[in-house]
Amino acid sequence: MSDFVSVAKVGDIPDGEARTFPVNGRMVAVFNSDGELHAINDTCPHMGASLATGHVEDGAVTCPWHAWRYCIKNGTWLDNPNPKLATDSYELRVEGDDVQVLVPDPPPRSATPESSE
């Protein structure tokens, strides 16, 4: 079962920027926008760029490779509401001075039947 993981201290991420952290087998981008912290999957679903290196403005991050824009609050692709091209968002909390992120466990892999050749 996944638990919240401490990734940074309050104040570690400057306003208008993001940092990337490994959490439960995934790379997570934590954004600071006007003092509010948000966590989404760091990998752009389009071509795999790091969203943490993109430009952050008005609650959105612009992918540095092809300028696709994602909501830093919920991972929605802002240029097209196609849910298949959204990125995951993660629950974030501040406990004392710790910034913590909860990334769910990946779904269990189903066993592949062996071939009967």
Foldseek 3Di string as FASTA:
>chain_A
DWDWDFDDFVPPADAFAWDWDDGQNFIWIWHHHVNDIWIWGQFQQPPGAGQRPAGDDDQWGAGPPPRFIARRHAQAGVVDRPVVRGTGTWDWDQDPGTIITTDDHDDDDDDDDDDPD
